[in-house]
Amino acid sequence: MRIILTTALASALALSGCGKSTGGAKYNPLNWFGKSRSEARDSGPQNPLIPKESAFKRGPAEDQSVLVAQVLDMTLEPTAGGAILRVTGLSPTLGAHNVTLVPAFDLDEDGPQELLSYSLKAEYSARSRPAAPPRSRELSVAVFLSDEMLRGVRSVQVSGAENSRSVRR
């Protein structure tokens, strides 16, 4: 009986330190970090020897991508929270990389659209590009379109250099 009573008394004293009634006690884990407070930033003198921009930093790279020759296939697959636009294109030669769907619209500026128009673009290597069968020149790319982007949209169009494909909802 003594052991149980001693353990209960020690537990009660230890747990009382964790309650909010002890105020600012240092042994209370809820008070270890304190409250957040706002501090004014000192905008004192800046070091003029430290440049604001690096002289060695490269600027944004130029867009070297060109339109892919043909758009072979295009599907709009519904998913949870939107749809996946999957496009297959045909490159004129080998060596295409960094294939992207470039939007021809800006939802932030233009607002909701009835037609979402994309351009299928790729970058090509500077090496010589041998002729190859069409199957080895196929390119695939996909992009997720959220429900917010698809609100009010009736058709989606993807353009290449020689043709374009569209799908209606």
Protein backbone atom coordinates (compact mmCIF):
# COMPACT_ATOMS: atom_id res chain seq x y z
CA MET A 1 0.00 0.00 0.00
CA ARG A 2 2.86 2.35 0.77
CA ILE A 3 4.38 1.89 -2.69
CA ILE A 4 1.11 2.71 -4.44
CA LEU A 5 0.52 5.76 -2.25
CA THR A 6 4.08 7.02 -2.74
CA THR A 7 3.89 6.51 -6.52
CA ALA A 8 0.52 8.29 -6.74
CA LEU A 9 1.81 11.23 -4.68
CA ALA A 10 5.00 11.56 -6.79
CA SER A 11 2.95 11.36 -10.01
CA ALA A 12 0.54 14.02 -8.79
CA LEU A 13 3.40 16.38 -7.94
CA ALA A 14 5.17 15.73 -11.25
CA LEU A 15 2.02 16.18 -13.33
CA SER A 16 1.05 19.36 -11.52
CA GLY A 17 4.13 21.01 -13.01
CA CYS A 18 2.77 20.37 -16.49
CA GLY A 19 -0.51 22.16 -15.95
CA LYS A 20 -1.22 25.73 -17.03
CA SER A 21 -1.96 26.79 -13.47
CA THR A 22 1.74 27.07 -12.59
CA GLY A 23 2.17 30.13 -14.77
CA GLY A 24 5.71 30.70 -15.95
CA ALA A 25 7.42 27.77 -14.23
CA LYS A 26 10.64 26.70 -15.96
CA TYR A 27 9.91 23.00 -15.48
CA ASN A 28 6.61 23.24 -17.41
CA PRO A 29 7.22 21.96 -20.99
CA LEU A 30 4.49 24.27 -22.33
CA ASN A 31 6.60 27.28 -21.32
CA TRP A 32 9.98 26.15 -22.63
CA PHE A 33 9.91 28.24 -25.81
CA GLY A 34 7.70 31.10 -24.70
CA LYS A 35 5.42 33.21 -26.88
CA SER A 36 6.40 34.66 -30.21
CA ARG A 37 7.18 38.34 -30.35
CA SER A 38 7.75 40.84 -33.10
CA GLU A 39 11.12 42.48 -33.52
CA ALA A 40 12.02 45.39 -35.75
CA ARG A 41 14.66 44.64 -38.36
CA ASP A 42 17.75 46.77 -38.29
CA SER A 43 18.24 48.08 -41.81
CA GLY A 44 21.58 49.53 -40.90
CA PRO A 45 24.41 50.18 -43.31
CA GLN A 46 24.90 47.52 -45.96
CA ASN A 47 28.33 46.35 -46.94
CA PRO A 48 29.09 48.05 -50.29
CA LEU A 49 31.68 45.41 -51.11
CA ILE A 50 29.09 42.65 -51.32
CA PRO A 51 27.31 42.87 -54.70
CA LYS A 52 23.54 42.54 -54.85
CA GLU A 53 23.80 40.33 -57.92
CA SER A 54 26.62 38.05 -58.92
CA ALA A 55 28.63 38.92 -62.01
CA PHE A 56 28.95 35.18 -62.73
CA LYS A 57 25.27 34.36 -62.55
CA ARG A 58 23.78 33.41 -65.87
CA GLY A 59 20.69 35.16 -67.08
CA PRO A 60 17.60 33.26 -68.12
CA ALA A 61 18.29 30.93 -71.03
CA GLU A 62 16.77 31.70 -74.40
CA ASP A 63 13.95 29.49 -75.54
CA GLN A 64 15.51 27.20 -78.15
CA SER A 65 12.44 25.00 -78.59
CA VAL A 66 10.65 24.65 -81.92
CA LEU A 67 7.30 23.19 -82.87
CA VAL A 68 7.19 19.43 -83.32
CA ALA A 69 6.34 18.42 -86.92
CA GLN A 70 3.07 16.53 -86.33
CA VAL A 71 0.67 15.83 -83.51
CA LEU A 72 -0.13 12.12 -83.87
CA ASP A 73 -2.42 11.40 -80.93
CA MET A 74 -4.10 13.29 -78.12
CA THR A 75 -6.21 12.04 -75.21
CA LEU A 76 -7.83 13.77 -72.26
CA GLU A 77 -8.12 11.23 -69.44
CA PRO A 78 -10.30 12.14 -66.44
CA THR A 79 -8.66 11.70 -63.02
CA ALA A 80 -9.43 12.68 -59.46
CA GLY A 81 -9.26 16.47 -59.27
CA GLY A 82 -8.97 17.13 -63.00
CA ALA A 83 -7.71 15.44 -66.16
CA ILE A 84 -4.45 14.39 -67.77
CA LEU A 85 -3.77 15.68 -71.28
CA ARG A 86 -1.53 13.14 -73.01
CA VAL A 87 -0.05 14.04 -76.42
CA THR A 88 2.11 12.04 -78.85
CA GLY A 89 3.98 13.90 -81.56
CA LEU A 90 6.33 13.06 -84.42
CA SER A 91 9.71 14.76 -84.61
CA PRO A 92 11.24 15.40 -88.06
CA THR A 93 14.60 13.93 -86.91
CA LEU A 94 16.23 12.21 -83.97
CA GLY A 95 17.74 14.18 -81.10
CA ALA A 96 14.63 15.83 -79.67
CA HIS A 97 14.55 16.41 -75.91
CA ASN A 98 12.81 18.57 -73.33
CA VAL A 99 9.39 18.12 -74.91
CA THR A 100 6.81 20.50 -73.46
CA LEU A 101 3.24 21.65 -73.95
CA VAL A 102 3.39 25.44 -74.00
CA PRO A 103 0.05 27.11 -73.17
CA ALA A 104 -1.14 29.90 -75.43
CA PHE A 105 -3.30 31.37 -72.65
CA ASP A 106 -2.93 32.81 -69.17
CA LEU A 107 -5.80 31.99 -66.84
CA ASP A 108 -4.67 34.62 -64.32
CA GLU A 109 -4.97 37.47 -66.83
CA ASP A 110 -7.59 36.19 -69.28
CA GLY A 111 -9.87 34.38 -66.86
CA PRO A 112 -11.80 31.22 -67.72
CA GLN A 113 -11.50 30.04 -71.31
CA GLU A 114 -13.74 27.95 -73.57
CA LEU A 115 -10.72 26.77 -75.61
CA LEU A 116 -7.42 25.73 -74.05
CA SER A 117 -4.76 25.95 -76.75
CA TYR A 118 -1.29 24.42 -76.41
CA SER A 119 1.77 24.22 -78.67
CA LEU A 120 3.84 21.04 -78.72
CA LYS A 121 7.50 22.09 -78.65
CA ALA A 122 10.85 20.32 -78.31
CA GLU A 123 14.52 21.23 -78.26
CA TYR A 124 16.99 19.56 -80.61
CA SER A 125 20.63 18.71 -80.08
CA ALA A 126 23.31 20.42 -82.16
CA ARG A 127 24.78 17.07 -83.27
CA SER A 128 24.05 15.60 -86.65
CA ARG A 129 20.70 13.88 -86.70
CA PRO A 130 20.45 10.78 -88.85
CA ALA A 131 17.27 9.71 -90.59
CA ALA A 132 15.22 7.24 -88.62
CA PRO A 133 11.91 5.38 -88.92
CA PRO A 134 8.83 7.18 -87.58
CA ARG A 135 8.45 4.86 -84.57
CA SER A 136 11.82 5.99 -83.16
CA ARG A 137 10.97 9.69 -83.65
CA GLU A 138 7.76 9.64 -81.59
CA LEU A 139 7.62 11.97 -78.58
CA SER A 140 5.21 11.79 -75.67
CA VAL A 141 4.32 14.40 -73.09
CA ALA A 142 1.54 14.82 -70.55
CA VAL A 143 0.25 17.65 -68.37
CA PHE A 144 -2.24 17.70 -65.50
CA LEU A 145 -5.21 20.04 -65.86
CA SER A 146 -7.02 20.77 -62.61
CA ASP A 147 -10.77 21.09 -62.24
CA GLU A 148 -10.32 24.85 -61.82
CA MET A 149 -8.55 25.09 -65.18
CA LEU A 150 -11.22 22.96 -66.87
CA ARG A 151 -14.13 25.00 -65.51
CA GLY A 152 -16.04 26.31 -68.55
CA VAL A 153 -13.73 24.63 -71.07
CA ARG A 154 -15.43 23.08 -74.10
CA SER A 155 -12.39 21.98 -76.10
CA VAL A 156 -8.64 21.53 -75.82
CA GLN A 157 -6.37 22.04 -78.85
CA VAL A 158 -2.72 21.09 -79.38
CA SER A 159 -0.81 22.52 -82.37
CA GLY A 160 2.28 21.27 -84.16
CA ALA A 161 4.12 22.66 -87.19
CA GLU A 162 2.03 20.76 -89.77
CA ASN A 163 -1.25 19.99 -88.01
CA SER A 164 -3.29 20.40 -84.85
CA ARG A 165 -5.61 18.13 -82.93
CA SER A 166 -8.46 18.99 -80.61
CA VAL A 167 -10.74 17.14 -78.25
CA ARG A 168 -14.19 18.24 -77.03
CA ARG A 169 -15.67 17.65 -73.61
